[in-house]
PDB file of N, CA and C in Angstrom:
ATOM      1  N   MET A   1      -0.577 -28.790  -0.647  1.00  0.00           N
ATOM      2  CA  MET A   1       0.465 -27.942  -1.126  1.00  0.00           C
ATOM      3  C   MET A   1      -0.771 -26.928  -2.317  1.00  0.00           C
ATOM      4  N   GLN A   2      -1.253 -27.715  -2.608  1.00  0.00           N
ATOM      5  CA  GLN A   2      -2.805 -26.900  -3.616  1.00  0.00           C
ATOM      6  C   GLN A   2      -3.246 -25.853  -3.232  1.00  0.00           C
ATOM      7  N   ILE A   3      -3.753 -26.127  -1.067  1.00  0.00           N
ATOM      8  CA  ILE A   3      -4.593 -25.552  -0.445  1.00  0.00           C
ATOM      9  C   ILE A   3      -4.132 -23.968  -0.543  1.00  0.00           C
ATOM     10  N   LEU A   4      -2.438 -24.168  -0.357  1.00  0.00           N
ATOM     11  CA  LEU A   4      -1.647 -23.097   0.145  1.00  0.00           C
ATOM     12  C   LEU A   4      -1.348 -22.598  -1.033  1.00  0.00           C
ATOM     13  N   ALA A   5      -1.504 -22.932  -2.316  1.00  0.00           N
ATOM     14  CA  ALA A   5      -1.455 -22.089  -3.499  1.00  0.00           C
ATOM     15  C   ALA A   5      -2.192 -21.980  -4.275  1.00  0.00           C
ATOM     16  N   SER A   6      -3.323 -22.173  -3.503  1.00  0.00           N
ATOM     17  CA  SER A   6      -4.923 -21.432  -3.945  1.00  0.00           C
ATOM     18  C   SER A   6      -4.779 -19.484  -3.376  1.00  0.00           C
ATOM     19  N   ASP A   7      -5.591 -18.918  -3.979  1.00  0.00           N
ATOM     20  CA  ASP A   7      -5.746 -17.464  -4.140  1.00  0.00           C
ATOM     21  C   ASP A   7      -6.525 -17.019  -2.487  1.00  0.00           C
ATOM     22  N   THR A   8      -6.923 -18.268  -1.847  1.00  0.00           N
ATOM     23  CA  THR A   8      -7.453 -18.022  -0.374  1.00  0.00           C
ATOM     24  C   THR A   8      -6.077 -17.235   0.534  1.00  0.00           C
ATOM     25  N   PRO A   9      -6.556 -16.300   1.158  1.00  0.00           N
ATOM     26  CA  PRO A   9      -5.600 -15.908   1.866  1.00  0.00           C
ATOM     27  C   PRO A   9      -5.148 -17.195   2.907  1.00  0.00           C
ATOM     28  N   LYS A  10      -3.745 -16.926   3.496  1.00  0.00           N
ATOM     29  CA  LYS A  10      -3.548 -18.224   4.517  1.00  0.00           C
ATOM     30  C   LYS A  10      -3.720 -18.359   5.247  1.00  0.00           C
ATOM     31  N   ILE A  11      -4.405 -17.198   6.321  1.00  0.00           N
ATOM     32  CA  ILE A  11      -5.098 -16.741   7.589  1.00  0.00           C
ATOM     33  C   ILE A  11      -6.154 -17.688   7.611  1.00  0.00           C
ATOM     34  N   ILE A  12      -6.998 -17.845   6.181  1.00  0.00           N
ATOM     35  CA  ILE A  12      -8.425 -18.018   6.402  1.00  0.00           C
ATOM     36  C   ILE A  12      -7.758 -19.800   6.389  1.00  0.00           C
ATOM     37  N   PHE A  13      -7.074 -20.320   6.004  1.00  0.00           N
ATOM     38  CA  PHE A  13      -6.691 -21.447   5.564  1.00  0.00           C
ATOM     39  C   PHE A  13      -6.061 -22.132   6.872  1.00  0.00           C
ATOM     40  N   LEU A  14      -5.172 -21.384   7.798  1.00  0.00           N
ATOM     41  CA  LEU A  14      -4.693 -21.676   8.871  1.00  0.00           C
ATOM     42  C   LEU A  14      -5.916 -21.763  10.031  1.00  0.00           C
ATOM     43  N   GLY A  15      -6.935 -21.128  10.251  1.00  0.00           N
ATOM     44  CA  GLY A  15      -7.928 -20.358  10.757  1.00  0.00           C
ATOM     45  C   GLY A  15      -8.965 -21.886  10.370  1.00  0.00           C
ATOM     46  N   ASP A  16      -8.911 -22.786   9.552  1.00  0.00           N
ATOM     47  CA  ASP A  16      -9.843 -24.013   8.933  1.00  0.00           C
ATOM     48  C   ASP A  16      -8.907 -25.301   9.464  1.00  0.00           C
ATOM     49  N   SER A  17      -7.635 -24.998   9.713  1.00  0.00           N
ATOM     50  CA  SER A  17      -7.320 -25.956   9.844  1.00  0.00           C
ATOM     51  C   SER A  17      -6.279 -26.202  11.643  1.00  0.00           C
ATOM     52  N   PRO A  18      -6.964 -26.724  12.298  1.00  0.00           N
ATOM     53  CA  PRO A  18      -6.255 -27.001  13.456  1.00  0.00           C
ATOM     54  C   PRO A  18      -5.265 -27.136  14.046  1.00  0.00           C
ATOM     55  N   LEU A  19      -4.412 -28.295  12.975  1.00  0.00           N
ATOM     56  CA  LEU A  19      -3.075 -29.059  12.717  1.00  0.00           C
ATOM     57  C   LEU A  19      -2.232 -27.538  12.812  1.00  0.00           C
ATOM     58  N   ALA A  20      -2.240 -26.855  11.391  1.00  0.00           N
ATOM     59  CA  ALA A  20      -1.836 -25.919  11.625  1.00  0.00           C
ATOM     60  C   ALA A  20      -1.455 -24.899  12.645  1.00  0.00           C
ATOM     61  N   ALA A  21      -2.625 -24.734  13.113  1.00  0.00           N
ATOM     62  CA  ALA A  21      -2.609 -23.962  14.177  1.00  0.00           C
ATOM     63  C   ALA A  21      -1.906 -23.973  15.431  1.00  0.00           C
ATOM     64  N   VAL A  22      -1.563 -25.397  15.696  1.00  0.00           N
ATOM     65  CA  VAL A  22      -0.802 -25.859  16.073  1.00  0.00           C
ATOM     66  C   VAL A  22       0.643 -25.939  16.029  1.00  0.00           C
ATOM     67  N   PHE A  23       0.874 -25.867  14.910  1.00  0.00           N
ATOM     68  CA  PHE A  23       2.326 -25.763  14.234  1.00  0.00           C
ATOM     69  C   PHE A  23       2.670 -24.359  14.697  1.00  0.00           C
ATOM     70  N   LEU A  24       1.697 -23.632  14.427  1.00  0.00           N
ATOM     71  CA  LEU A  24       2.241 -21.796  14.694  1.00  0.00           C
ATOM     72  C   LEU A  24       2.582 -22.030  15.880  1.00  0.00           C
ATOM     73  N   ILE A  25       1.678 -22.278  16.804  1.00  0.00           N
ATOM     74  CA  ILE A  25       1.872 -21.431  18.130  1.00  0.00           C
ATOM     75  C   ILE A  25       3.246 -22.656  18.590  1.00  0.00           C
ATOM     76  N   SER A  26       3.380 -23.764  18.274  1.00  0.00           N
ATOM     77  CA  SER A  26       4.374 -24.590  18.925  1.00  0.00           C
ATOM     78  C   SER A  26       6.200 -24.076  18.250  1.00  0.00           C
ATOM     79  N   THR A  27       5.989 -23.129  16.863  1.00  0.00           N
ATOM     80  CA  THR A  27       6.950 -22.731  16.325  1.00  0.00           C
ATOM     81  C   THR A  27       7.101 -21.504  17.035  1.00  0.00           C
ATOM     82  N   PHE A  28       6.093 -20.380  17.757  1.00  0.00           N
ATOM     83  CA  PHE A  28       6.192 -19.401  18.259  1.00  0.00           C
ATOM     84  C   PHE A  28       6.564 -19.746  19.610  1.00  0.00           C
ATOM     85  N   TYR A  29       6.194 -20.780  19.890  1.00  0.00           N
ATOM     86  CA  TYR A  29       6.444 -21.199  21.681  1.00  0.00           C
ATOM     87  C   TYR A  29       8.232 -21.685  21.637  1.00  0.00           C
ATOM     88  N   TYR A  30       8.679 -21.951  20.402  1.00  0.00           N
ATOM     89  CA  TYR A  30      10.151 -22.734  20.159  1.00  0.00           C
ATOM     90  C   TYR A  30      11.050 -21.348  20.298  1.00  0.00           C
ATOM     91  N   PHE A  31      10.411 -20.080  19.501  1.00  0.00           N
ATOM     92  CA  PHE A  31      11.539 -19.244  18.853  1.00  0.00           C
ATOM     93  C   PHE A  31      11.517 -18.446  20.515  1.00  0.00           C
ATOM     94  N   VAL A  32      10.201 -18.347  21.254  1.00  0.00           N
ATOM     95  CA  VAL A  32      10.312 -17.854  22.520  1.00  0.00           C
ATOM     96  C   VAL A  32      10.909 -18.283  23.442  1.00  0.00           C
ATOM     97  N   THR A  33      10.969 -19.343  23.658  1.00  0.00           N
ATOM     98  CA  THR A  33      12.004 -20.180  24.408  1.00  0.00           C
ATOM     99  C   THR A  33      13.559 -20.242  24.299  1.00  0.00           C
ATOM    100  N   LYS A  34      14.181 -20.054  22.745  1.00  0.00           N
ATOM    101  CA  LYS A  34      15.097 -19.742  22.268  1.00  0.00           C
ATOM    102  C   LYS A  34      15.889 -18.422  22.580  1.00  0.00           C
ATOM    103  N   LEU A  35      14.760 -17.588  22.595  1.00  0.00           N
ATOM    104  CA  LEU A  35      15.237 -16.256  22.571  1.00  0.00           C
ATOM    105  C   LEU A  35      15.397 -15.902  24.036  1.00  0.00           C
ATOM    106  N   LEU A  36      14.754 -16.424  24.743  1.00  0.00           N
ATOM    107  CA  LEU A  36      14.560 -16.255  26.923  1.00  0.00           C
ATOM    108  C   LEU A  36      15.803 -17.265  27.172  1.00  0.00           C
ATOM    109  N   CYS A  37      16.403 -17.840  26.519  1.00  0.00           N
ATOM    110  CA  CYS A  37      17.222 -19.190  26.532  1.00  0.00           C
ATOM    111  C   CYS A  37      19.080 -18.349  26.244  1.00  0.00           C
ATOM    112  N   PHE A  38      18.768 -17.302  25.248  1.00  0.00           N
ATOM    113  CA  PHE A  38      19.898 -16.982  24.865  1.00  0.00           C
ATOM    114  C   PHE A  38      20.108 -15.398  25.388  1.00  0.00           C
ATOM    115  N   PHE A  39      19.143 -15.098  25.932  1.00  0.00           N
ATOM    116  CA  PHE A  39      19.243 -13.257  26.994  1.00  0.00           C
ATOM    117  C   PHE A  39      19.729 -14.215  28.031  1.00  0.00           C
ATOM    118  N   ASN A  40      19.522 -15.353  28.502  1.00  0.00           N
ATOM    119  CA  ASN A  40      19.740 -15.527  30.083  1.00  0.00           C
ATOM    120  C   ASN A  40      21.111 -15.762  29.744  1.00  0.00           C
ATOM    121  N   ILE A  41      21.862 -16.248  28.938  1.00  0.00           N
ATOM    122  CA  ILE A  41      23.157 -17.043  28.466  1.00  0.00           C
ATOM    123  C   ILE A  41      24.013 -15.424  28.742  1.00  0.00           C
ATOM    124  N   TYR A  42      23.343 -14.015  27.887  1.00  0.00           N
ATOM    125  CA  TYR A  42      23.947 -12.825  27.994  1.00  0.00           C
ATOM    126  C   TYR A  42      23.995 -12.237  29.521  1.00  0.00           C
ATOM    127  N   GLN A  43      23.159 -12.533  29.875  1.00  0.00           N
ATOM    128  CA  GLN A  43      22.962 -11.810  31.207  1.00  0.00           C
ATOM    129  C   GLN A  43      23.805 -12.318  32.107  1.00  0.00           C
ATOM    130  N   ILE A  44      24.073 -13.678  31.843  1.00  0.00           N
ATOM    131  CA  ILE A  44      24.813 -14.182  32.962  1.00  0.00           C
ATOM    132  C   ILE A  44      26.136 -13.772  32.964  1.00  0.00           C
ATOM    133  N   ASN A  45      27.047 -14.211  31.503  1.00  0.00           N
ATOM    134  CA  ASN A  45      27.744 -13.669  31.318  1.00  0.00           C
ATOM    135  C   ASN A  45      28.325 -11.955  31.219  1.00  0.00           C
ATOM    136  N   PHE A  46      27.221 -11.308  31.245  1.00  0.00           N
ATOM    137  CA  PHE A  46      27.328  -9.881  31.384  1.00  0.00           C
ATOM    138  C   PHE A  46      27.545  -9.207  33.062  1.00  0.00           C
ATOM    139  N   ILE A  47      26.545 -10.623  33.891  1.00  0.00           N
ATOM    140  CA  ILE A  47      27.135 -10.355  35.350  1.00  0.00           C
ATOM    141  C   ILE A  47      28.472 -10.880  35.745  1.00  0.00           C
ATOM    142  N   ARG A  48      28.774 -11.757  35.219  1.00  0.00           N
ATOM    143  CA  ARG A  48      29.987 -12.299  35.256  1.00  0.00           C
ATOM    144  C   ARG A  48      31.828 -11.347  35.004  1.00  0.00           C
ATOM    145  N   LEU A  49      30.875 -10.694  33.695  1.00  0.00           N
ATOM    146  CA  LEU A  49      32.170  -9.304  33.212  1.00  0.00           C
ATOM    147  C   LEU A  49      32.295  -8.294  34.828  1.00  0.00           C
ATOM    148  N   LEU A  50      30.837  -7.834  35.264  1.00  0.00           N
ATOM    149  CA  LEU A  50      30.879  -7.053  36.286  1.00  0.00           C
ATOM    150  C   LEU A  50      31.289  -7.444  37.653  1.00  0.00           C
ATOM    151  N   ALA A  51      31.474  -8.998  38.049  1.00  0.00           N
ATOM    152  CA  ALA A  51      31.768  -9.189  39.159  1.00  0.00           C
ATOM    153  C   ALA A  51      33.299  -8.975  38.967  1.00  0.00           C
ATOM    154  N   ARG A  52      33.702  -9.262  38.041  1.00  0.00           N
ATOM    155  CA  ARG A  52      35.360  -9.420  38.064  1.00  0.00           C
ATOM    156  C   ARG A  52      36.023  -8.171  38.601  1.00  0.00           C
TER     157      ARG A  52
END
Protein backbone atom coordinates (compact mmCIF):
# COMPACT_ATOMS: atom_id res chain seq x y z
CA MET A 1 0.00 0.00 0.00
CA GLN A 2 2.97 2.33 0.57
CA ILE A 3 3.84 2.24 -3.15
CA LEU A 4 0.29 3.32 -4.08
CA ALA A 5 0.31 6.06 -1.42
CA SER A 6 3.59 7.58 -2.69
CA ASP A 7 3.79 10.63 -4.97
CA THR A 8 4.67 8.58 -8.06
CA PRO A 9 1.76 8.30 -10.51
CA LYS A 10 -0.26 5.09 -10.35
CA ILE A 11 0.23 4.48 -14.10
CA ILE A 12 4.01 4.15 -13.64
CA PHE A 13 3.44 1.79 -10.69
CA LEU A 14 1.07 -0.33 -12.76
CA GLY A 15 3.57 -0.37 -15.63
CA ASP A 16 6.25 -1.73 -13.28
CA SER A 17 3.98 -4.41 -11.83
CA PRO A 18 2.85 -7.20 -14.20
CA LEU A 19 0.41 -8.50 -11.59
CA ALA A 20 -1.38 -5.15 -11.43
CA ALA A 21 -1.60 -5.07 -15.23
CA VAL A 22 -3.12 -8.56 -15.28
CA PHE A 23 -5.59 -7.52 -12.57
CA LEU A 24 -6.57 -4.42 -14.56
CA ILE A 25 -7.08 -6.41 -17.77
CA SER A 26 -9.10 -9.12 -16.01
CA THR A 27 -11.30 -6.53 -14.28
CA PHE A 28 -11.87 -4.71 -17.59
CA TYR A 29 -12.68 -8.03 -19.32
CA TYR A 30 -15.09 -8.95 -16.50
CA PHE A 31 -16.99 -5.66 -16.84
CA VAL A 32 -17.12 -5.98 -20.65
CA THR A 33 -18.58 -9.50 -20.43
CA LYS A 34 -21.11 -8.34 -17.80
CA LEU A 35 -22.18 -5.48 -20.07
CA LEU A 36 -22.47 -7.79 -23.09
CA CYS A 37 -24.56 -10.23 -21.04
CA PHE A 38 -26.82 -7.40 -19.86
CA PHE A 39 -27.33 -6.09 -23.40
CA ASN A 40 -28.02 -9.62 -24.63
CA ILE A 41 -30.80 -10.10 -22.05
CA TYR A 42 -32.21 -6.66 -22.91
CA GLN A 43 -32.19 -7.51 -26.63
CA ILE A 44 -33.97 -10.85 -26.06
CA ASN A 45 -36.67 -9.13 -23.98
CA PHE A 46 -37.09 -6.45 -26.67
CA ILE A 47 -37.48 -9.12 -29.39
CA ARG A 48 -40.07 -10.95 -27.25
CA LEU A 49 -41.94 -7.68 -26.80
CA LEU A 50 -42.03 -7.17 -30.59
CA ALA A 51 -43.06 -10.78 -31.20
CA ARG A 52 -46.27 -10.43 -29.16
